PDB file of N, CA and C in Angstrom:
ATOM      1  N   MET A   1     -28.695 -34.893 -83.355  1.00  0.00           N
ATOM      2  CA  MET A   1     -27.154 -35.588 -83.465  1.00  0.00           C
ATOM      3  C   MET A   1     -26.733 -35.465 -82.036  1.00  0.00           C
ATOM      4  N   VAL A   2     -26.275 -36.754 -81.424  1.00  0.00           N
ATOM      5  CA  VAL A   2     -25.740 -36.703 -80.066  1.00  0.00           C
ATOM      6  C   VAL A   2     -24.285 -36.296 -80.306  1.00  0.00           C
ATOM      7  N   LYS A   3     -23.897 -35.751 -78.810  1.00  0.00           N
ATOM      8  CA  LYS A   3     -22.538 -35.140 -78.868  1.00  0.00           C
ATOM      9  C   LYS A   3     -21.614 -35.864 -79.485  1.00  0.00           C
ATOM     10  N   ASP A   4     -21.258 -37.253 -79.352  1.00  0.00           N
ATOM     11  CA  ASP A   4     -20.228 -38.118 -80.025  1.00  0.00           C
ATOM     12  C   ASP A   4     -20.207 -37.881 -81.444  1.00  0.00           C
ATOM     13  N   GLU A   5     -21.446 -38.200 -81.920  1.00  0.00           N
ATOM     14  CA  GLU A   5     -21.568 -37.922 -83.578  1.00  0.00           C
ATOM     15  C   GLU A   5     -21.187 -36.511 -83.841  1.00  0.00           C
ATOM     16  N   GLN A   6     -21.520 -35.607 -83.085  1.00  0.00           N
ATOM     17  CA  GLN A   6     -21.243 -34.008 -83.703  1.00  0.00           C
ATOM     18  C   GLN A   6     -19.476 -33.919 -83.558  1.00  0.00           C
ATOM     19  N   LEU A   7     -18.906 -34.683 -82.626  1.00  0.00           N
ATOM     20  CA  LEU A   7     -17.411 -34.656 -82.745  1.00  0.00           C
ATOM     21  C   LEU A   7     -16.939 -35.193 -83.984  1.00  0.00           C
ATOM     22  N   LEU A   8     -17.511 -36.290 -84.400  1.00  0.00           N
ATOM     23  CA  LEU A   8     -16.962 -36.913 -85.607  1.00  0.00           C
ATOM     24  C   LEU A   8     -16.889 -36.078 -86.945  1.00  0.00           C
ATOM     25  N   HIS A   9     -17.659 -34.898 -87.043  1.00  0.00           N
ATOM     26  CA  HIS A   9     -17.835 -33.900 -88.222  1.00  0.00           C
ATOM     27  C   HIS A   9     -17.004 -32.753 -87.846  1.00  0.00           C
ATOM     28  N   ARG A  10     -16.081 -32.858 -86.942  1.00  0.00           N
ATOM     29  CA  ARG A  10     -15.546 -31.462 -86.408  1.00  0.00           C
ATOM     30  C   ARG A  10     -14.074 -31.620 -87.075  1.00  0.00           C
ATOM     31  N   ARG A  11     -13.586 -30.378 -87.086  1.00  0.00           N
ATOM     32  CA  ARG A  11     -11.978 -30.379 -87.625  1.00  0.00           C
ATOM     33  C   ARG A  11     -11.112 -30.282 -86.488  1.00  0.00           C
ATOM     34  N   VAL A  12      -9.936 -30.809 -86.727  1.00  0.00           N
ATOM     35  CA  VAL A  12      -8.875 -30.947 -85.434  1.00  0.00           C
ATOM     36  C   VAL A  12      -7.725 -29.998 -85.979  1.00  0.00           C
ATOM     37  N   TYR A  13      -7.694 -29.140 -84.908  1.00  0.00           N
ATOM     38  CA  TYR A  13      -6.528 -28.045 -85.040  1.00  0.00           C
ATOM     39  C   TYR A  13      -5.259 -28.706 -85.543  1.00  0.00           C
ATOM     40  N   GLY A  14      -4.593 -28.152 -86.752  1.00  0.00           N
ATOM     41  CA  GLY A  14      -3.422 -28.724 -87.318  1.00  0.00           C
ATOM     42  C   GLY A  14      -3.480 -29.851 -88.232  1.00  0.00           C
ATOM     43  N   ALA A  15      -4.559 -30.282 -88.315  1.00  0.00           N
ATOM     44  CA  ALA A  15      -4.719 -31.472 -89.239  1.00  0.00           C
ATOM     45  C   ALA A  15      -5.018 -30.893 -90.593  1.00  0.00           C
ATOM     46  N   ASP A  16      -4.550 -31.491 -91.525  1.00  0.00           N
ATOM     47  CA  ASP A  16      -4.837 -31.191 -93.028  1.00  0.00           C
ATOM     48  C   ASP A  16      -6.447 -31.295 -93.262  1.00  0.00           C
ATOM     49  N   HIS A  17      -6.775 -30.292 -94.363  1.00  0.00           N
ATOM     50  CA  HIS A  17      -8.258 -30.026 -94.591  1.00  0.00           C
ATOM     51  C   HIS A  17      -8.874 -31.436 -95.279  1.00  0.00           C
ATOM     52  N   ASP A  18      -7.833 -32.341 -95.763  1.00  0.00           N
ATOM     53  CA  ASP A  18      -8.456 -33.555 -96.480  1.00  0.00           C
ATOM     54  C   ASP A  18      -8.430 -34.809 -95.393  1.00  0.00           C
ATOM     55  N   GLN A  19      -7.839 -34.617 -94.253  1.00  0.00           N
ATOM     56  CA  GLN A  19      -8.060 -35.558 -93.297  1.00  0.00           C
ATOM     57  C   GLN A  19      -9.336 -35.691 -92.761  1.00  0.00           C
ATOM     58  N   PRO A  20      -9.590 -36.932 -92.308  1.00  0.00           N
ATOM     59  CA  PRO A  20     -11.038 -37.156 -91.455  1.00  0.00           C
ATOM     60  C   PRO A  20     -10.981 -36.328 -90.147  1.00  0.00           C
ATOM     61  N   GLY A  21     -11.893 -36.517 -89.679  1.00  0.00           N
ATOM     62  CA  GLY A  21     -12.266 -35.805 -88.308  1.00  0.00           C
ATOM     63  C   GLY A  21     -11.323 -36.469 -87.174  1.00  0.00           C
ATOM     64  N   PRO A  22     -11.915 -36.309 -86.191  1.00  0.00           N
ATOM     65  CA  PRO A  22     -11.223 -36.687 -84.830  1.00  0.00           C
ATOM     66  C   PRO A  22     -11.156 -38.287 -84.941  1.00  0.00           C
ATOM     67  N   ARG A  23     -10.111 -38.991 -84.400  1.00  0.00           N
ATOM     68  CA  ARG A  23     -10.046 -40.382 -84.179  1.00  0.00           C
ATOM     69  C   ARG A  23     -10.631 -40.899 -83.059  1.00  0.00           C
ATOM     70  N   PRO A  24     -11.233 -41.909 -82.930  1.00  0.00           N
ATOM     71  CA  PRO A  24     -11.825 -42.542 -81.748  1.00  0.00           C
ATOM     72  C   PRO A  24     -11.043 -42.861 -80.559  1.00  0.00           C
ATOM     73  N   ASP A  25      -9.735 -43.166 -81.033  1.00  0.00           N
ATOM     74  CA  ASP A  25      -8.621 -43.563 -79.877  1.00  0.00           C
ATOM     75  C   ASP A  25      -7.840 -42.354 -79.423  1.00  0.00           C
ATOM     76  N   ARG A  26      -8.307 -41.181 -79.651  1.00  0.00           N
ATOM     77  CA  ARG A  26      -7.792 -39.851 -79.125  1.00  0.00           C
ATOM     78  C   ARG A  26      -8.534 -39.232 -78.338  1.00  0.00           C
ATOM     79  N   HIS A  27      -7.864 -38.275 -77.542  1.00  0.00           N
ATOM     80  CA  HIS A  27      -8.688 -37.320 -76.555  1.00  0.00           C
ATOM     81  C   HIS A  27      -8.415 -35.865 -77.155  1.00  0.00           C
ATOM     82  N   TYR A  28      -9.555 -35.226 -77.034  1.00  0.00           N
ATOM     83  CA  TYR A  28      -9.713 -34.026 -77.480  1.00  0.00           C
ATOM     84  C   TYR A  28     -10.217 -32.795 -76.903  1.00  0.00           C
ATOM     85  N   ALA A  29      -9.968 -31.589 -76.828  1.00  0.00           N
ATOM     86  CA  ALA A  29     -10.555 -30.401 -76.157  1.00  0.00           C
ATOM     87  C   ALA A  29     -11.021 -29.503 -77.158  1.00  0.00           C
ATOM     88  N   GLU A  30     -12.336 -29.054 -76.865  1.00  0.00           N
ATOM     89  CA  GLU A  30     -12.918 -28.017 -77.831  1.00  0.00           C
ATOM     90  C   GLU A  30     -12.491 -26.815 -77.398  1.00  0.00           C
ATOM     91  N   LEU A  31     -12.047 -25.881 -78.633  1.00  0.00           N
ATOM     92  CA  LEU A  31     -11.623 -24.566 -78.527  1.00  0.00           C
ATOM     93  C   LEU A  31     -12.785 -23.691 -78.344  1.00  0.00           C
ATOM     94  N   VAL A  32     -13.064 -23.035 -77.405  1.00  0.00           N
ATOM     95  CA  VAL A  32     -14.259 -22.066 -77.266  1.00  0.00           C
ATOM     96  C   VAL A  32     -13.726 -20.561 -77.544  1.00  0.00           C
ATOM     97  N   GLY A  33     -14.324 -19.865 -78.386  1.00  0.00           N
ATOM     98  CA  GLY A  33     -14.281 -18.705 -78.534  1.00  0.00           C
ATOM     99  C   GLY A  33     -12.978 -18.252 -79.423  1.00  0.00           C
ATOM    100  N   GLY A  34     -12.760 -17.107 -79.811  1.00  0.00           N
ATOM    101  CA  GLY A  34     -11.736 -16.644 -80.524  1.00  0.00           C
ATOM    102  C   GLY A  34     -11.683 -17.136 -81.877  1.00  0.00           C
ATOM    103  N   PRO A  35     -10.616 -16.939 -82.597  1.00  0.00           N
ATOM    104  CA  PRO A  35     -10.431 -17.394 -83.867  1.00  0.00           C
ATOM    105  C   PRO A  35     -10.564 -18.915 -84.243  1.00  0.00           C
ATOM    106  N   LEU A  36     -10.204 -19.545 -83.404  1.00  0.00           N
ATOM    107  CA  LEU A  36     -10.186 -20.851 -83.473  1.00  0.00           C
ATOM    108  C   LEU A  36     -11.439 -21.711 -82.987  1.00  0.00           C
ATOM    109  N   GLU A  37     -12.524 -21.010 -82.960  1.00  0.00           N
ATOM    110  CA  GLU A  37     -13.780 -21.503 -82.236  1.00  0.00           C
ATOM    111  C   GLU A  37     -14.150 -22.817 -82.950  1.00  0.00           C
ATOM    112  N   GLY A  38     -14.414 -23.674 -82.024  1.00  0.00           N
ATOM    113  CA  GLY A  38     -15.108 -24.832 -82.501  1.00  0.00           C
ATOM    114  C   GLY A  38     -14.211 -25.930 -83.036  1.00  0.00           C
ATOM    115  N   LEU A  39     -12.766 -25.687 -83.284  1.00  0.00           N
ATOM    116  CA  LEU A  39     -11.955 -26.749 -83.581  1.00  0.00           C
ATOM    117  C   LEU A  39     -11.711 -27.635 -82.356  1.00  0.00           C
ATOM    118  N   LEU A  40     -10.931 -28.770 -82.615  1.00  0.00           N
ATOM    119  CA  LEU A  40     -10.776 -29.844 -81.704  1.00  0.00           C
ATOM    120  C   LEU A  40      -9.262 -29.736 -81.599  1.00  0.00           C
ATOM    121  N   LEU A  41      -8.739 -29.686 -80.444  1.00  0.00           N
ATOM    122  CA  LEU A  41      -7.235 -29.712 -80.216  1.00  0.00           C
ATOM    123  C   LEU A  41      -6.867 -31.067 -79.511  1.00  0.00           C
ATOM    124  N   GLY A  42      -6.162 -31.664 -80.193  1.00  0.00           N
ATOM    125  CA  GLY A  42      -5.483 -33.147 -79.675  1.00  0.00           C
ATOM    126  C   GLY A  42      -4.857 -33.020 -78.409  1.00  0.00           C
ATOM    127  N   ILE A  43      -5.102 -33.606 -77.340  1.00  0.00           N
ATOM    128  CA  ILE A  43      -4.594 -33.654 -76.067  1.00  0.00           C
ATOM    129  C   ILE A  43      -4.129 -35.041 -75.567  1.00  0.00           C
ATOM    130  N   THR A  44      -4.150 -35.915 -76.492  1.00  0.00           N
ATOM    131  CA  THR A  44      -3.923 -37.612 -76.133  1.00  0.00           C
ATOM    132  C   THR A  44      -2.443 -37.288 -75.712  1.00  0.00           C
ATOM    133  N   GLY A  45      -2.106 -37.997 -74.515  1.00  0.00           N
ATOM    134  CA  GLY A  45      -0.725 -37.998 -74.245  1.00  0.00           C
ATOM    135  C   GLY A  45      -0.164 -36.743 -73.382  1.00  0.00           C
ATOM    136  N   PHE A  46      -0.653 -35.869 -73.425  1.00  0.00           N
ATOM    137  CA  PHE A  46      -0.407 -34.663 -72.645  1.00  0.00           C
ATOM    138  C   PHE A  46      -0.859 -34.974 -71.144  1.00  0.00           C
ATOM    139  N   ARG A  47       0.033 -34.588 -70.133  1.00  0.00           N
ATOM    140  CA  ARG A  47      -0.359 -34.639 -68.573  1.00  0.00           C
ATOM    141  C   ARG A  47      -1.075 -33.312 -68.520  1.00  0.00           C
ATOM    142  N   ARG A  48      -1.794 -33.284 -67.376  1.00  0.00           N
ATOM    143  CA  ARG A  48      -2.574 -32.171 -66.979  1.00  0.00           C
ATOM    144  C   ARG A  48      -1.699 -30.905 -66.747  1.00  0.00           C
ATOM    145  N   ASP A  49      -0.408 -31.160 -66.206  1.00  0.00           N
ATOM    146  CA  ASP A  49       0.522 -30.131 -65.732  1.00  0.00           C
ATOM    147  C   ASP A  49       1.008 -29.528 -66.914  1.00  0.00           C
ATOM    148  N   GLU A  50       0.957 -30.142 -68.166  1.00  0.00           N
ATOM    149  CA  GLU A  50       1.706 -29.676 -69.526  1.00  0.00           C
ATOM    150  C   GLU A  50       0.383 -28.850 -70.109  1.00  0.00           C
ATOM    151  N   VAL A  51      -0.761 -29.083 -70.017  1.00  0.00           N
ATOM    152  CA  VAL A  51      -1.651 -27.992 -70.445  1.00  0.00           C
ATOM    153  C   VAL A  51      -2.463 -27.111 -69.593  1.00  0.00           C
ATOM    154  N   GLY A  52      -2.084 -27.432 -68.263  1.00  0.00           N
ATOM    155  CA  GLY A  52      -2.979 -26.785 -67.185  1.00  0.00           C
ATOM    156  C   GLY A  52      -2.909 -25.452 -67.088  1.00  0.00           C
ATOM    157  N   THR A  53      -1.733 -24.566 -67.610  1.00  0.00           N
ATOM    158  CA  THR A  53      -1.778 -23.168 -67.731  1.00  0.00           C
ATOM    159  C   THR A  53      -2.217 -22.606 -69.270  1.00  0.00           C
ATOM    160  N   GLY A  54      -2.499 -23.542 -69.948  1.00  0.00           N
ATOM    161  CA  GLY A  54      -2.944 -23.136 -71.332  1.00  0.00           C
ATOM    162  C   GLY A  54      -2.214 -23.329 -72.433  1.00  0.00           C
ATOM    163  N   VAL A  55      -2.459 -23.225 -73.620  1.00  0.00           N
ATOM    164  CA  VAL A  55      -1.644 -23.228 -74.779  1.00  0.00           C
ATOM    165  C   VAL A  55      -1.732 -21.865 -75.611  1.00  0.00           C
ATOM    166  N   THR A  56      -0.759 -21.851 -76.511  1.00  0.00           N
ATOM    167  CA  THR A  56      -0.691 -20.912 -77.590  1.00  0.00           C
ATOM    168  C   THR A  56      -0.669 -21.332 -78.846  1.00  0.00           C
ATOM    169  N   LEU A  57      -1.612 -21.197 -79.795  1.00  0.00           N
ATOM    170  CA  LEU A  57      -1.499 -21.969 -81.065  1.00  0.00           C
ATOM    171  C   LEU A  57      -1.658 -20.865 -82.091  1.00  0.00           C
ATOM    172  N   SER A  58      -0.655 -21.204 -83.131  1.00  0.00           N
ATOM    173  CA  SER A  58      -0.615 -20.468 -84.270  1.00  0.00           C
ATOM    174  C   SER A  58      -2.048 -20.317 -85.119  1.00  0.00           C
ATOM    175  N   THR A  59      -2.183 -19.221 -85.658  1.00  0.00           N
ATOM    176  CA  THR A  59      -3.362 -18.705 -86.518  1.00  0.00           C
ATOM    177  C   THR A  59      -3.195 -17.787 -87.252  1.00  0.00           C
ATOM    178  N   GLU A  60      -3.664 -17.774 -88.626  1.00  0.00           N
ATOM    179  CA  GLU A  60      -3.632 -16.636 -89.184  1.00  0.00           C
ATOM    180  C   GLU A  60      -4.888 -15.896 -89.199  1.00  0.00           C
ATOM    181  N   LEU A  61      -5.771 -16.384 -88.437  1.00  0.00           N
ATOM    182  CA  LEU A  61      -7.175 -15.832 -88.463  1.00  0.00           C
ATOM    183  C   LEU A  61      -7.310 -14.885 -87.212  1.00  0.00           C
ATOM    184  N   GLY A  62      -6.370 -14.503 -86.356  1.00  0.00           N
ATOM    185  CA  GLY A  62      -6.494 -13.614 -85.262  1.00  0.00           C
ATOM    186  C   GLY A  62      -6.106 -12.180 -85.512  1.00  0.00           C
ATOM    187  N   GLN A  63      -6.050 -11.506 -84.460  1.00  0.00           N
ATOM    188  CA  GLN A  63      -5.973 -10.007 -84.600  1.00  0.00           C
ATOM    189  C   GLN A  63      -4.592  -9.562 -85.274  1.00  0.00           C
ATOM    190  N   PHE A  64      -3.462 -10.473 -85.267  1.00  0.00           N
ATOM    191  CA  PHE A  64      -2.229 -10.240 -85.555  1.00  0.00           C
ATOM    192  C   PHE A  64      -1.890 -10.881 -87.072  1.00  0.00           C
ATOM    193  N   GLY A  65      -2.835 -11.451 -87.561  1.00  0.00           N
ATOM    194  CA  GLY A  65      -2.772 -12.013 -89.023  1.00  0.00           C
ATOM    195  C   GLY A  65      -1.758 -13.039 -88.946  1.00  0.00           C
ATOM    196  N   THR A  66      -0.953 -13.096 -90.148  1.00  0.00           N
ATOM    197  CA  THR A  66       0.027 -14.205 -90.346  1.00  0.00           C
ATOM    198  C   THR A  66       1.167 -14.224 -89.202  1.00  0.00           C
ATOM    199  N   GLY A  67       1.386 -15.091 -88.631  1.00  0.00           N
ATOM    200  CA  GLY A  67       2.449 -15.309 -87.369  1.00  0.00           C
ATOM    201  C   GLY A  67       1.805 -15.007 -86.093  1.00  0.00           C
ATOM    202  N   GLY A  68       0.433 -14.747 -86.273  1.00  0.00           N
ATOM    203  CA  GLY A  68      -0.010 -14.332 -84.812  1.00  0.00           C
ATOM    204  C   GLY A  68      -0.572 -15.776 -84.266  1.00  0.00           C
ATOM    205  N   ARG A  69      -0.646 -15.690 -82.872  1.00  0.00           N
ATOM    206  CA  ARG A  69      -1.092 -16.881 -82.001  1.00  0.00           C
ATOM    207  C   ARG A  69      -2.355 -16.565 -81.253  1.00  0.00           C
ATOM    208  N   ALA A  70      -3.076 -17.706 -80.847  1.00  0.00           N
ATOM    209  CA  ALA A  70      -4.288 -17.413 -80.037  1.00  0.00           C
ATOM    210  C   ALA A  70      -4.053 -18.175 -78.886  1.00  0.00           C
ATOM    211  N   MET A  71      -4.560 -17.597 -77.696  1.00  0.00           N
ATOM    212  CA  MET A  71      -4.095 -18.340 -76.460  1.00  0.00           C
ATOM    213  C   MET A  71      -5.424 -19.062 -75.775  1.00  0.00           C
ATOM    214  N   TYR A  72      -5.357 -20.094 -75.445  1.00  0.00           N
ATOM    215  CA  TYR A  72      -6.665 -20.730 -74.895  1.00  0.00           C
ATOM    216  C   TYR A  72      -6.126 -21.487 -73.369  1.00  0.00           C
ATOM    217  N   THR A  73      -7.064 -21.536 -72.593  1.00  0.00           N
ATOM    218  CA  THR A  73      -6.796 -22.078 -71.387  1.00  0.00           C
ATOM    219  C   THR A  73      -7.940 -23.025 -70.897  1.00  0.00           C
ATOM    220  N   PRO A  74      -7.566 -24.151 -70.333  1.00  0.00           N
ATOM    221  CA  PRO A  74      -8.475 -25.252 -69.734  1.00  0.00           C
ATOM    222  C   PRO A  74      -9.486 -24.486 -68.915  1.00  0.00           C
ATOM    223  N   ARG A  75     -10.868 -24.863 -69.200  1.00  0.00           N
ATOM    224  CA  ARG A  75     -11.982 -24.370 -68.397  1.00  0.00           C
ATOM    225  C   ARG A  75     -11.845 -25.177 -67.154  1.00  0.00           C
ATOM    226  N   LEU A  76     -12.128 -24.435 -66.092  1.00  0.00           N
ATOM    227  CA  LEU A  76     -12.083 -25.171 -64.770  1.00  0.00           C
ATOM    228  C   LEU A  76     -13.482 -26.041 -64.736  1.00  0.00           C
ATOM    229  N   GLY A  77     -13.101 -27.217 -64.224  1.00  0.00           N
ATOM    230  CA  GLY A  77     -14.259 -28.237 -64.178  1.00  0.00           C
ATOM    231  C   GLY A  77     -14.734 -28.785 -65.564  1.00  0.00           C
ATOM    232  N   ALA A  78     -14.229 -28.428 -66.500  1.00  0.00           N
ATOM    233  CA  ALA A  78     -14.338 -28.987 -68.048  1.00  0.00           C
ATOM    234  C   ALA A  78     -13.043 -29.056 -68.627  1.00  0.00           C
ATOM    235  N   PRO A  79     -12.373 -30.068 -68.420  1.00  0.00           N
ATOM    236  CA  PRO A  79     -10.819 -30.091 -68.992  1.00  0.00           C
ATOM    237  C   PRO A  79     -11.046 -30.379 -70.533  1.00  0.00           C
ATOM    238  N   ASP A  80     -12.199 -30.650 -71.008  1.00  0.00           N
ATOM    239  CA  ASP A  80     -12.271 -30.919 -72.424  1.00  0.00           C
ATOM    240  C   ASP A  80     -12.792 -29.722 -73.256  1.00  0.00           C
ATOM    241  N   ARG A  81     -12.874 -28.595 -72.605  1.00  0.00           N
ATOM    242  CA  ARG A  81     -13.238 -27.250 -73.183  1.00  0.00           C
ATOM    243  C   ARG A  81     -11.819 -26.291 -72.824  1.00  0.00           C
ATOM    244  N   PHE A  82     -11.430 -25.582 -73.802  1.00  0.00           N
ATOM    245  CA  PHE A  82     -10.318 -24.520 -73.699  1.00  0.00           C
ATOM    246  C   PHE A  82     -10.881 -23.128 -74.088  1.00  0.00           C
ATOM    247  N   ASP A  83     -11.101 -22.491 -73.070  1.00  0.00           N
ATOM    248  CA  ASP A  83     -11.507 -20.856 -73.497  1.00  0.00           C
ATOM    249  C   ASP A  83     -10.220 -20.174 -74.110  1.00  0.00           C
ATOM    250  N   TRP A  84     -10.685 -19.196 -74.889  1.00  0.00           N
ATOM    251  CA  TRP A  84      -9.964 -18.211 -75.674  1.00  0.00           C
ATOM    252  C   TRP A  84      -9.625 -17.232 -74.664  1.00  0.00           C
ATOM    253  N   THR A  85      -8.499 -16.707 -74.674  1.00  0.00           N
ATOM    254  CA  THR A  85      -8.147 -15.743 -73.471  1.00  0.00           C
ATOM    255  C   THR A  85      -7.532 -14.522 -74.313  1.00  0.00           C
ATOM    256  N   GLY A  86      -7.114 -14.505 -75.477  1.00  0.00           N
ATOM    257  CA  GLY A  86      -6.590 -13.414 -76.061  1.00  0.00           C
ATOM    258  C   GLY A  86      -5.812 -13.930 -77.207  1.00  0.00           C
ATOM    259  N   ASN A  87      -5.163 -12.755 -78.141  1.00  0.00           N
ATOM    260  CA  ASN A  87      -4.220 -12.852 -79.119  1.00  0.00           C
ATOM    261  C   ASN A  87      -2.961 -12.577 -78.705  1.00  0.00           C
ATOM    262  N   THR A  88      -1.813 -12.940 -79.358  1.00  0.00           N
ATOM    263  CA  THR A  88      -0.408 -12.437 -79.187  1.00  0.00           C
ATOM    264  C   THR A  88       0.137 -12.512 -80.646  1.00  0.00           C
ATOM    265  N   PRO A  89       1.077 -11.422 -80.760  1.00  0.00           N
ATOM    266  CA  PRO A  89       2.003 -11.594 -82.081  1.00  0.00           C
ATOM    267  C   PRO A  89       2.867 -12.784 -82.323  1.00  0.00           C
TER     268      PRO A  89
END
């Protein structure tokens, strides 16, 4: 399966479980590592300076359980991949 086909079968962070995968008219970054490993984060419309320092995403799967958040930062040289940097309450 080529990369584009693989992306079509992935889940998007924040989307309902019954919603289809990523849309072809949107841009996504893959979340790498941590509790949200493998999900796609929609970054359409965001400027580089808006996500350049990273994002903090709500998750119940991390170290702090319900109400916890996972932190991800864009990978240098690969802006379509965000690496996990830790959890926060």
